[in-house]
Amino acid sequence: MNSFKEDILSGLRKEQKTLPSRYFYDKKGDALFQQIMHMESYYLPGCEREIIEKQSADIAKILKEHNPHWNIVELGAGDGTKTAVFLKKLDESEVSMRYTALDISPNILKENKANVTAAIPQLEVESVAGNYFETCDEVLKKQSHNLILFLGSTIGNYNKERANEFLQWLYKGMKKNDLILIAFDLKKHPKTILNAYNDKEGITKAFNLNLLTRINRELNAGFDVNAFDHYPYYDPLSGNCLSFLVSLKKQSVTIGNENISFYKNEVIHTEISKKYHLDDIGQLSRENSFEPVKHFIDSKRYYSLSLLRRNG
């Protein structure tokens, strides 16, 4: 059984059905997500871009105070568009550096290298394809004074337990003088957050439902996509923004030789996007042997690029 089929069936067999959000990103899913990234209500990319454009010089100052040269390692690097801007700003601030991009997709790493080298032709760039949980440790061992980038508020896709596991994994692989720059989406008015995941145009709904279309295509499944709806929910106490698919009727779906039953209004949990207060970031850091050096926050106070150092 291929891993995609195994993961899908494993999630749908649970009492509380789930589908892994990492499978949103087929060709159509990628295109829909690019539309989401440009929606006015989806504030996250704009906030991160503002911090990079306006505060990278301040980040550079701290880096130079710690060490003259940095090995910058990006986890889940993607196409490098925003990273190229960040690295260009560091270069303009005379930070000596090299850059290593880690991503599961060899094709996206080609785009990454092209974008970064176009911005900074003289920069030494290395691309490492594969799951960064398997490749990062070897990269970090090569040099000291690594700055690890984890952008895009990706840590928000982890619940508390997984966020702790992620930071503990990083801690074990890091050296004493290494730093991490992590993007956190901050708690704000609940309506602002909910609107980001429930746009009037229905793009986020299409993005979520496209996962069912992908399952139909790749696993020869029998989902009636029109018999499911998209429902987002935000809890301002926990900071958890959750996405669900809702079965609009009692139905059953065949995947291979397996039959999955749904009762009317049963939900499939597809994604979490956790929001943080600055105090939450501090607590999460200290619980996992890190200490915030500084939080770089956008003008609306919606988003933070938090620089953390390893304790001990």
Protein backbone atom coordinates (compact mmCIF):
# COMPACT_ATOMS: atom_id res chain seq x y z
CA MET A 1 0.00 0.00 0.00
CA ASN A 2 1.43 3.40 -0.90
CA SER A 3 1.92 5.93 1.89
CA PHE A 4 -0.77 8.29 0.54
CA LYS A 5 -3.41 5.56 0.61
CA GLU A 6 -2.21 4.29 3.97
CA ASP A 7 -2.34 7.76 5.54
CA ILE A 8 -5.79 8.53 4.11
CA LEU A 9 -7.33 5.25 5.27
CA SER A 10 -5.63 5.45 8.66
CA GLY A 11 -7.18 8.87 9.26
CA LEU A 12 -10.64 7.93 8.06
CA ARG A 13 -10.73 4.78 10.21
CA LYS A 14 -10.42 6.84 13.41
CA GLU A 15 -13.41 7.54 15.62
CA GLN A 16 -12.73 11.24 14.98
CA LYS A 17 -11.92 11.14 11.29
CA THR A 18 -8.88 13.10 10.07
CA LEU A 19 -7.10 13.82 6.80
CA PRO A 20 -3.44 14.97 6.74
CA SER A 21 -3.17 18.61 5.64
CA ARG A 22 0.16 17.94 3.88
CA TYR A 23 -1.84 16.26 1.10
CA PHE A 24 -3.63 19.50 0.19
CA TYR A 25 -0.78 20.34 -2.16
CA ASP A 26 -1.27 18.67 -5.54
CA LYS A 27 -1.09 20.79 -8.71
CA LYS A 28 -4.57 22.28 -8.24
CA GLY A 29 -4.07 22.63 -4.48
CA ASP A 30 -0.86 24.58 -5.07
CA ALA A 31 -2.69 26.95 -7.43
CA LEU A 32 -5.55 27.46 -4.96
CA PHE A 33 -3.12 28.12 -2.13
CA GLN A 34 -1.39 30.78 -4.21
CA GLN A 35 -4.79 32.47 -4.57
CA ILE A 36 -5.28 32.26 -0.80
CA MET A 37 -1.88 33.87 -0.26
CA HIS A 38 -3.05 36.90 -2.25
CA MET A 39 -6.42 37.30 -0.52
CA GLU A 40 -6.83 40.51 1.46
CA SER A 41 -8.39 38.59 4.36
CA TYR A 42 -5.43 36.18 4.54
CA TYR A 43 -3.15 38.60 6.35
CA LEU A 44 -0.25 36.26 7.19
CA PRO A 45 2.01 36.66 4.10
CA GLY A 46 1.71 40.45 4.11
CA CYS A 47 2.64 40.67 7.78
CA GLU A 48 5.66 38.43 7.33
CA ARG A 49 6.76 40.38 4.27
CA GLU A 50 6.50 43.68 6.17
CA ILE A 51 8.74 42.38 8.95
CA ILE A 52 11.31 41.07 6.48
CA GLU A 53 11.38 44.31 4.51
CA LYS A 54 11.46 46.68 7.48
CA GLN A 55 13.26 44.82 10.27
CA SER A 56 15.84 42.57 8.62
CA ALA A 57 18.52 45.19 9.32
CA ASP A 58 17.75 44.85 13.05
CA ILE A 59 18.01 41.06 12.76
CA ALA A 60 21.33 41.51 10.93
CA LYS A 61 22.65 43.69 13.74
CA ILE A 62 21.98 40.98 16.32
CA LEU A 63 23.58 38.33 14.11
CA LYS A 64 26.75 40.38 13.66
CA GLU A 65 26.95 40.96 17.42
CA HIS A 66 26.99 37.18 17.90
CA ASN A 67 29.31 36.16 15.06
CA PRO A 68 30.72 37.56 11.77
CA HIS A 69 29.62 34.58 9.61
CA TRP A 70 26.40 32.55 9.55
CA ASN A 71 25.28 29.31 7.96
CA ILE A 72 21.61 29.97 7.22
CA VAL A 73 19.52 26.79 7.05
CA GLU A 74 15.87 26.96 5.98
CA LEU A 75 13.40 24.19 6.81
CA GLY A 76 10.66 23.72 4.20
CA ALA A 77 12.30 26.37 2.06
CA GLY A 78 9.79 26.41 -0.81
CA ASP A 79 10.52 28.56 -3.84
CA GLY A 80 12.68 31.02 -1.88
CA THR A 81 10.79 34.16 -2.94
CA LYS A 82 10.55 35.75 0.51
CA THR A 83 13.84 34.19 1.63
CA ALA A 84 15.63 35.92 -1.25
CA VAL A 85 14.36 39.26 0.07
CA PHE A 86 15.49 38.41 3.60
CA LEU A 87 18.95 37.25 2.48
CA LYS A 88 19.34 40.33 0.28
CA LYS A 89 18.61 42.53 3.29
CA LEU A 90 21.20 40.64 5.35
CA ASP A 91 23.71 41.00 2.53
CA GLU A 92 23.08 44.75 2.37
CA SER A 93 23.76 44.85 6.12
CA GLU A 94 27.09 43.11 5.46
CA VAL A 95 26.27 39.80 7.12
CA SER A 96 28.71 37.14 5.89
CA MET A 97 26.73 33.98 5.16
CA ARG A 98 26.01 30.89 3.15
CA TYR A 99 22.53 29.43 2.58
CA THR A 100 21.21 25.87 2.68
CA ALA A 101 17.64 25.17 1.56
CA LEU A 102 15.90 22.02 2.81
CA ASP A 103 12.70 20.88 1.14
CA ILE A 104 11.06 17.60 0.18
CA SER A 105 10.64 18.67 -3.45
CA PRO A 106 13.71 18.70 -5.74
CA ASN A 107 11.75 20.77 -8.30
CA ILE A 108 10.87 23.53 -5.85
CA LEU A 109 14.51 23.61 -4.73
CA LYS A 110 15.55 24.40 -8.31
CA GLU A 111 13.21 27.42 -8.22
CA ASN A 112 14.57 28.33 -4.80
CA LYS A 113 18.16 28.35 -5.99
CA ALA A 114 17.27 30.37 -9.08
CA ASN A 115 15.41 33.01 -7.03
CA VAL A 116 18.09 33.30 -4.34
CA THR A 117 21.05 33.45 -6.73
CA ALA A 118 19.23 36.01 -8.88
CA ALA A 119 18.97 38.25 -5.82
CA ILE A 120 22.51 37.57 -4.51
CA PRO A 121 24.70 36.11 -7.30
CA GLN A 122 27.78 35.75 -5.10
CA LEU A 123 26.02 33.79 -2.32
CA GLU A 124 27.01 30.17 -1.78
CA VAL A 125 23.77 28.17 -2.03
CA GLU A 126 23.24 24.48 -1.25
CA SER A 127 20.01 22.55 -1.86
CA VAL A 128 19.15 19.41 0.11
CA ALA A 129 16.12 17.42 -1.05
CA GLY A 130 14.24 15.17 1.35
CA ASN A 131 12.31 15.23 4.60
CA TYR A 132 14.10 17.84 6.71
CA PHE A 133 13.55 15.74 9.83
CA GLU A 134 15.96 13.29 8.18
CA THR A 135 18.38 15.73 6.49
CA CYS A 136 18.69 18.66 8.91
CA ASP A 137 20.91 17.03 11.51
CA GLU A 138 23.73 16.35 9.03
CA VAL A 139 23.51 19.92 7.67
CA LEU A 140 23.78 21.47 11.14
CA LYS A 141 26.79 19.32 12.03
CA LYS A 142 28.84 20.78 9.17
CA GLN A 143 29.27 24.25 10.66
CA SER A 144 28.76 26.27 13.81
CA HIS A 145 26.69 29.45 14.05
CA ASN A 146 23.70 28.12 12.17
CA LEU A 147 20.66 30.37 11.83
CA ILE A 148 17.66 28.10 11.27
CA LEU A 149 14.72 29.66 9.43
CA PHE A 150 11.23 28.28 9.99
CA LEU A 151 8.98 30.79 8.25
CA GLY A 152 5.37 30.94 7.08
CA SER A 153 3.87 30.28 10.54
CA THR A 154 4.35 26.57 9.83
CA ILE A 155 4.73 25.89 13.55
CA GLY A 156 1.05 26.84 13.81
CA ASN A 157 0.24 23.58 12.00
CA TYR A 158 1.46 21.71 15.09
CA ASN A 159 -0.59 21.18 18.22
CA LYS A 160 1.11 21.79 21.56
CA GLU A 161 2.53 18.27 21.80
CA ARG A 162 3.99 18.32 18.30
CA ALA A 163 5.37 21.86 18.74
CA ASN A 164 7.22 20.63 21.84
CA GLU A 165 8.52 17.61 19.93
CA PHE A 166 9.68 19.85 17.08
CA LEU A 167 11.64 22.19 19.35
CA GLN A 168 13.12 19.27 21.30
CA TRP A 169 14.25 17.72 18.00
CA LEU A 170 15.85 21.02 16.97
CA TYR A 171 17.55 21.40 20.34
CA LYS A 172 19.24 18.01 20.00
CA GLY A 173 20.60 18.88 16.56
CA MET A 174 21.76 22.42 17.35
CA LYS A 175 25.05 23.68 18.72
CA LYS A 176 25.41 26.14 21.58
CA ASN A 177 25.77 29.25 19.40
CA ASP A 178 23.02 28.40 16.89
CA LEU A 179 19.86 30.52 16.63
CA ILE A 180 16.34 29.94 15.25
CA LEU A 181 14.07 32.48 13.56
CA ILE A 182 10.50 31.14 13.80
CA ALA A 183 7.34 32.77 12.43
CA PHE A 184 4.37 32.81 14.81
CA ASP A 185 0.88 34.06 13.95
CA LEU A 186 -0.28 36.06 16.97
CA LYS A 187 -3.64 36.07 18.73
CA LYS A 188 -5.87 38.91 17.57
CA HIS A 189 -9.59 39.67 17.17
CA PRO A 190 -11.28 36.29 16.58
CA LYS A 191 -13.19 37.63 13.57
CA THR A 192 -9.96 38.65 11.85
CA ILE A 193 -8.59 35.13 12.27
CA LEU A 194 -11.80 33.39 11.24
CA ASN A 195 -12.15 35.57 8.14
CA ALA A 196 -8.68 34.46 7.02
CA TYR A 197 -9.89 30.85 6.85
CA ASN A 198 -13.46 31.48 5.71
CA ASP A 199 -13.20 33.88 2.75
CA LYS A 200 -16.39 35.04 1.01
CA GLU A 201 -14.98 34.01 -2.37
CA GLY A 202 -14.90 30.36 -1.28
CA ILE A 203 -11.25 29.80 -2.23
CA THR A 204 -10.37 28.21 1.12
CA LYS A 205 -13.42 25.97 0.83
CA ALA A 206 -12.29 24.87 -2.65
CA PHE A 207 -8.78 24.29 -1.31
CA ASN A 208 -10.07 21.95 1.40
CA LEU A 209 -12.53 20.11 -0.85
CA ASN A 210 -9.84 19.59 -3.47
CA LEU A 211 -8.29 17.03 -1.13
CA LEU A 212 -11.35 14.83 -1.71
CA THR A 213 -10.95 15.30 -5.46
CA ARG A 214 -7.31 14.22 -5.16
CA ILE A 215 -8.31 11.12 -3.20
CA ASN A 216 -10.86 10.26 -5.90
CA ARG A 217 -8.27 10.68 -8.65
CA GLU A 218 -5.30 8.95 -7.06
CA LEU A 219 -7.08 6.22 -5.09
CA ASN A 220 -10.09 5.67 -7.37
CA ALA A 221 -12.32 6.64 -4.45
CA GLY A 222 -16.01 7.53 -4.56
CA PHE A 223 -16.30 10.84 -2.70
CA ASP A 224 -19.25 12.98 -3.81
CA VAL A 225 -17.46 16.30 -3.28
CA ASN A 226 -20.75 18.22 -3.43
CA ALA A 227 -21.96 16.23 -0.42
CA PHE A 228 -19.32 17.85 1.82
CA ASP A 229 -18.88 21.40 3.11
CA HIS A 230 -15.97 23.30 4.65
CA TYR A 231 -16.21 24.57 8.23
CA PRO A 232 -13.51 26.58 10.06
CA TYR A 233 -13.59 27.20 13.82
CA TYR A 234 -11.46 29.43 16.02
CA ASP A 235 -11.13 29.11 19.80
CA PRO A 236 -9.62 32.35 21.17
CA LEU A 237 -8.80 30.70 24.52
CA SER A 238 -6.53 27.98 23.16
CA GLY A 239 -5.57 29.88 20.01
CA ASN A 240 -6.49 26.86 17.90
CA CYS A 241 -8.00 27.57 14.49
CA LEU A 242 -9.36 24.29 13.14
CA SER A 243 -10.61 23.31 9.70
CA PHE A 244 -13.15 20.57 9.05
CA LEU A 245 -14.99 18.95 6.17
CA VAL A 246 -18.64 18.25 7.01
CA SER A 247 -20.69 15.41 5.56
CA LEU A 248 -23.98 16.92 4.42
CA LYS A 249 -25.81 13.59 4.48
CA LYS A 250 -25.56 10.01 5.66
CA GLN A 251 -23.31 8.35 3.10
CA SER A 252 -20.57 5.84 2.48
CA VAL A 253 -17.44 6.17 0.38
CA THR A 254 -15.44 3.36 -1.19
CA ILE A 255 -11.64 3.57 -1.25
CA GLY A 256 -10.19 0.48 -2.89
CA ASN A 257 -11.81 -2.47 -1.16
CA GLU A 258 -12.68 -0.48 1.94
CA ASN A 259 -15.98 1.21 2.72
CA ILE A 260 -16.00 4.34 4.94
CA SER A 261 -19.34 5.38 6.45
CA PHE A 262 -20.36 8.94 7.42
CA TYR A 263 -23.37 10.05 9.39
CA LYS A 264 -25.06 13.33 8.52
CA ASN A 265 -23.05 16.33 9.82
CA GLU A 266 -20.06 14.17 10.76
CA VAL A 267 -16.81 16.12 10.48
CA ILE A 268 -13.35 15.27 9.17
CA HIS A 269 -10.58 17.28 10.85
CA THR A 270 -8.15 18.50 8.17
CA GLU A 271 -5.94 21.21 9.66
CA ILE A 272 -4.87 23.19 12.72
CA SER A 273 -3.42 26.70 12.61
CA LYS A 274 -2.47 27.66 16.15
CA LYS A 275 -2.18 31.31 17.18
CA TYR A 276 0.11 32.53 19.95
CA HIS A 277 0.42 35.36 22.43
CA LEU A 278 4.00 36.57 23.06
CA ASP A 279 3.76 35.03 26.53
CA ASP A 280 2.83 31.71 24.90
CA ILE A 281 5.95 31.89 22.71
CA GLY A 282 8.09 32.56 25.77
CA GLN A 283 6.57 29.65 27.66
CA LEU A 284 6.89 27.28 24.68
CA SER A 285 10.53 28.32 24.27
CA ARG A 286 11.52 27.93 27.91
CA GLU A 287 9.73 24.57 28.23
CA ASN A 288 12.03 23.28 25.50
CA SER A 289 15.31 24.88 26.64
CA PHE A 290 15.18 27.95 24.40
CA GLU A 291 15.07 31.64 25.26
CA PRO A 292 13.62 34.45 23.09
CA VAL A 293 16.31 36.91 22.00
CA LYS A 294 13.83 39.32 20.40
CA HIS A 295 10.39 39.31 18.79
CA PHE A 296 10.17 41.19 15.48
CA ILE A 297 6.52 42.23 15.11
CA ASP A 298 4.60 43.87 12.26
CA SER A 299 2.90 47.25 12.60
CA LYS A 300 -0.55 45.70 13.28
CA ARG A 301 0.93 43.35 15.91
CA TYR A 302 -0.56 40.43 14.01
CA TYR A 303 2.61 38.39 13.47
CA SER A 304 6.06 37.76 14.92
CA LEU A 305 9.38 36.55 13.62
CA SER A 306 10.84 35.39 16.92
CA LEU A 307 14.58 34.90 17.28
CA LEU A 308 15.35 32.16 19.81
CA ARG A 309 18.63 30.97 21.26
CA ARG A 310 19.46 27.54 22.62
CA ASN A 311 20.04 27.42 26.38
CA GLY A 312 23.05 25.32 27.34
